[in-house]
Amino acid sequence: MITALSYWAHVPDRKDTQVGLSFPIREQISPEESGQGYALRMSQLNAIPSLTELKKLMGKSSTSLLSETDAQFLSMTFGASADYLKFALGSAAYGDSPGLHVYAGHQLSKPSFINRTFPRICPVCIRDEGRSKLSWDFSAVTACPEHRVVLLDVCGGCGKRISWARSGGEVCSCSAVLDGPKIQAVDVEVQFAKWLELNIQSAHPEKSV
């Protein structure tokens, strides 16, 4: 298999890589999958060391957000539908910048309603499916409705908040496996998370979802 390093060896200038990249392992993004989570998962499958390294390949800084403007690049690179990626990545906005912002097909009055920097995960979902859920990106979602546990936001190994700057969905940037005590979620957390998942599904561009 072509590794990231051997692939990059044939790319003379990473600033010119916005067109024509394609890695060997290509998959569609799942309807419920986070856009950044998809980019991280496909980077791991294609031996790219981290999401930070993928951003470098895209000509982006390590602190920049992935947004709908990156959908075409990710589509060409990893094979997912550009429309599905735009849906999962949303518009690029920071903090409390004014105006309406779109995420997962819904308009939001503040981009701070979306947690783009410090993701939370359900360690059971990550272990079983390897995918980060789009609903976990919403700041108000604190639980996994399937497993009825509170989402994990701190690494048990290093004690730091989980970030996207890691090599895979199931590990921290310190290389520790992301796991820990399964704290039981209360009913209102579970019900809200499930309600949001259903609303995300109803807005997805693939109507059969």
Protein backbone atom coordinates (compact mmCIF):
# COMPACT_ATOMS: atom_id res chain seq x y z
CA MET A 1 0.00 0.00 0.00
CA ILE A 2 1.14 3.53 -0.70
CA THR A 3 1.98 5.26 2.54
CA ALA A 4 1.56 8.96 3.16
CA LEU A 5 5.30 9.53 3.22
CA SER A 6 5.95 7.68 -0.04
CA TYR A 7 3.04 9.54 -1.63
CA TRP A 8 4.31 12.93 -0.50
CA ALA A 9 7.72 12.10 -1.95
CA HIS A 10 6.09 12.42 -5.39
CA VAL A 11 4.43 15.74 -4.61
CA PRO A 12 6.95 18.51 -5.43
CA ASP A 13 5.05 21.37 -3.75
CA ARG A 14 2.29 20.81 -1.23
CA LYS A 15 0.83 24.23 -2.03
CA ASP A 16 -0.17 22.82 -5.42
CA THR A 17 -1.93 19.72 -4.08
CA GLN A 18 -5.49 21.06 -4.07
CA VAL A 19 -6.16 19.23 -7.33
CA GLY A 20 -5.66 15.61 -8.31
CA LEU A 21 -4.91 13.82 -5.04
CA SER A 22 -6.33 10.37 -4.50
CA PHE A 23 -5.37 7.85 -1.84
CA PRO A 24 -5.83 4.08 -2.30
CA ILE A 25 -8.41 3.51 0.47
CA ARG A 26 -11.58 5.38 -0.40
CA GLU A 27 -14.95 5.27 1.37
CA GLN A 28 -18.22 7.15 1.53
CA ILE A 29 -18.88 9.24 4.63
CA SER A 30 -21.67 7.74 6.75
CA PRO A 31 -24.85 9.85 7.09
CA GLU A 32 -24.32 10.27 10.84
CA GLU A 33 -20.53 10.76 10.69
CA SER A 34 -18.65 13.92 11.71
CA GLY A 35 -16.83 15.61 8.82
CA GLN A 36 -13.62 16.06 10.79
CA GLY A 37 -14.06 12.54 12.13
CA TYR A 38 -14.25 11.23 8.57
CA ALA A 39 -11.07 13.10 7.62
CA LEU A 40 -9.30 11.65 10.68
CA ARG A 41 -10.57 8.11 9.99
CA MET A 42 -9.53 8.17 6.33
CA SER A 43 -6.14 9.66 7.23
CA GLN A 44 -5.57 6.76 9.61
CA LEU A 45 -6.64 4.19 7.00
CA ASN A 46 -4.25 5.72 4.45
CA ALA A 47 -1.26 5.90 6.84
CA ILE A 48 -1.27 9.69 7.14
CA PRO A 49 0.28 10.28 10.59
CA SER A 50 -2.43 12.64 11.89
CA LEU A 51 -5.17 15.06 10.94
CA THR A 52 -2.59 17.83 11.39
CA GLU A 53 -0.47 16.25 8.64
CA LEU A 54 -3.50 16.04 6.37
CA LYS A 55 -4.10 19.77 6.88
CA LYS A 56 -0.48 20.44 5.88
CA LEU A 57 -1.05 18.43 2.73
CA MET A 58 -4.08 20.62 2.04
CA GLY A 59 -2.01 23.77 2.54
CA LYS A 60 -3.81 24.63 5.79
CA SER A 61 -2.39 25.52 9.20
CA SER A 62 -2.66 23.05 12.07
CA THR A 63 -5.15 25.31 13.88
CA SER A 64 -7.45 25.92 10.93
CA LEU A 65 -10.92 24.39 10.77
CA LEU A 66 -12.08 21.97 8.14
CA SER A 67 -15.26 23.35 6.60
CA GLU A 68 -17.49 22.99 3.56
CA THR A 69 -14.85 24.81 1.48
CA ASP A 70 -12.65 21.69 1.91
CA ALA A 71 -15.36 19.26 0.79
CA GLN A 72 -14.20 19.05 -2.83
CA PHE A 73 -10.60 18.32 -1.83
CA LEU A 74 -11.64 15.60 0.63
CA SER A 75 -14.03 14.15 -1.95
CA MET A 76 -11.28 13.82 -4.56
CA THR A 77 -8.81 12.52 -1.98
CA PHE A 78 -10.92 9.95 -0.11
CA GLY A 79 -13.93 9.31 -2.36
CA ALA A 80 -16.90 10.62 -0.35
CA SER A 81 -19.70 12.66 -1.88
CA ALA A 82 -18.86 16.37 -1.86
CA ASP A 83 -22.48 17.19 -0.94
CA TYR A 84 -22.38 14.81 2.03
CA LEU A 85 -19.07 16.32 3.14
CA LYS A 86 -20.43 19.88 2.93
CA PHE A 87 -23.33 18.76 5.11
CA ALA A 88 -21.00 17.19 7.70
CA LEU A 89 -18.39 19.99 7.73
CA GLY A 90 -20.64 23.05 7.80
CA SER A 91 -19.67 26.66 7.26
CA ALA A 92 -16.41 27.97 8.71
CA ALA A 93 -17.02 30.32 11.62
CA TYR A 94 -15.35 31.00 14.94
CA GLY A 95 -16.47 32.08 18.41
CA ASP A 96 -19.43 34.45 18.38
CA SER A 97 -19.07 35.89 14.88
CA PRO A 98 -22.36 37.51 13.76
CA GLY A 99 -24.82 36.06 11.29
CA LEU A 100 -26.39 32.66 10.74
CA HIS A 101 -24.15 29.62 10.34
CA VAL A 102 -25.01 26.23 8.92
CA TYR A 103 -24.02 22.89 10.43
CA ALA A 104 -25.51 19.48 9.69
CA GLY A 105 -28.17 21.16 7.55
CA HIS A 106 -29.36 23.45 10.34
CA GLN A 107 -28.96 27.19 10.77
CA LEU A 108 -27.38 28.30 14.04
CA SER A 109 -27.21 31.80 15.49
CA LYS A 110 -23.73 31.25 17.00
CA PRO A 111 -20.86 29.05 15.78
CA SER A 112 -19.99 28.42 19.44
CA PHE A 113 -22.96 26.03 19.54
CA ILE A 114 -20.63 23.66 17.65
CA ASN A 115 -17.58 22.20 19.36
CA ARG A 116 -15.05 22.04 16.51
CA THR A 117 -11.82 22.09 18.53
CA PHE A 118 -12.16 19.67 21.44
CA PRO A 119 -14.26 16.68 20.34
CA ARG A 120 -16.07 14.34 22.67
CA ILE A 121 -16.46 10.63 21.94
CA CYS A 122 -18.33 7.56 23.04
CA PRO A 123 -15.47 5.07 23.54
CA VAL A 124 -17.84 2.14 22.85
CA CYS A 125 -18.93 3.57 19.48
CA ILE A 126 -15.34 4.35 18.52
CA ARG A 127 -14.22 0.86 19.50
CA ASP A 128 -17.05 -0.90 17.66
CA GLU A 129 -17.56 1.35 14.61
CA GLY A 130 -14.44 3.52 14.32
CA ARG A 131 -16.55 6.57 13.48
CA SER A 132 -17.13 9.89 15.27
CA LYS A 133 -20.77 10.97 15.23
CA LEU A 134 -21.84 14.31 13.79
CA SER A 135 -24.18 14.88 16.74
CA TRP A 136 -21.20 14.79 19.14
CA ASP A 137 -19.99 18.04 17.56
CA PHE A 138 -22.96 19.92 19.04
CA SER A 139 -21.90 21.50 22.33
CA ALA A 140 -25.20 20.67 24.05
CA VAL A 141 -24.90 16.94 23.34
CA THR A 142 -23.28 15.22 26.31
CA ALA A 143 -24.33 11.58 25.93
CA CYS A 144 -24.43 8.65 23.53
CA PRO A 145 -28.09 7.61 23.19
CA GLU A 146 -27.17 4.11 21.97
CA HIS A 147 -24.98 3.16 24.93
CA ARG A 148 -26.48 5.66 27.40
CA VAL A 149 -23.08 6.85 28.62
CA VAL A 150 -21.64 10.34 29.02
CA LEU A 151 -19.34 11.35 26.18
CA LEU A 152 -15.62 11.27 27.01
CA ASP A 153 -13.80 14.61 26.65
CA VAL A 154 -10.58 14.09 28.63
CA CYS A 155 -7.85 11.51 28.02
CA GLY A 156 -7.28 9.19 30.97
CA GLY A 157 -3.63 8.85 29.99
CA CYS A 158 -2.42 12.46 29.89
CA GLY A 159 -5.36 14.19 31.57
CA LYS A 160 -5.73 16.67 28.70
CA ARG A 161 -8.81 17.47 26.65
CA ILE A 162 -9.19 15.34 23.55
CA SER A 163 -8.29 17.13 20.31
CA TRP A 164 -8.53 16.37 16.61
CA ALA A 165 -4.71 16.50 16.39
CA ARG A 166 -4.32 12.77 16.87
CA SER A 167 -3.42 9.76 14.74
CA GLY A 168 -6.72 7.90 15.00
CA GLY A 169 -10.22 8.07 16.40
CA GLU A 170 -9.57 5.70 19.28
CA VAL A 171 -6.30 7.20 20.53
CA CYS A 172 -5.24 10.49 22.12
CA SER A 173 -2.46 12.67 20.74
CA CYS A 174 -0.37 11.21 23.60
CA SER A 175 -0.97 7.75 22.03
CA ALA A 176 -3.05 6.48 24.97
CA VAL A 177 -6.22 4.56 24.08
CA LEU A 178 -9.25 6.76 24.70
CA ASP A 179 -11.26 4.88 27.27
CA GLY A 180 -12.30 5.23 30.87
CA PRO A 181 -15.14 4.70 33.33
CA LYS A 182 -18.53 4.52 31.60
CA ILE A 183 -20.56 7.18 33.40
CA GLN A 184 -24.29 6.55 33.09
CA ALA A 185 -26.11 9.40 31.34
CA VAL A 186 -29.38 10.73 32.71
CA ASP A 187 -32.58 10.39 30.68
CA VAL A 188 -32.79 14.00 29.51
CA GLU A 189 -29.24 13.80 28.08
CA VAL A 190 -30.08 10.61 26.22
CA GLN A 191 -33.41 11.94 24.94
CA PHE A 192 -31.89 15.21 23.71
CA ALA A 193 -29.04 13.41 21.93
CA LYS A 194 -31.49 11.06 20.23
CA TRP A 195 -33.75 13.96 19.21
CA LEU A 196 -30.79 15.77 17.65
CA GLU A 197 -29.68 12.64 15.79
CA LEU A 198 -33.16 12.34 14.26
CA ASN A 199 -33.13 16.01 13.23
CA ILE A 200 -29.71 15.58 11.59
CA GLN A 201 -30.98 12.55 9.69
CA SER A 202 -34.07 14.45 8.50
CA ALA A 203 -31.88 17.25 7.05
CA HIS A 204 -29.37 14.97 5.29
CA PRO A 205 -29.11 15.48 1.49
CA GLU A 206 -29.69 11.76 0.95
CA LYS A 207 -33.44 11.65 1.57
CA SER A 208 -33.55 7.87 2.00
CA VAL A 209 -31.66 8.33 5.29
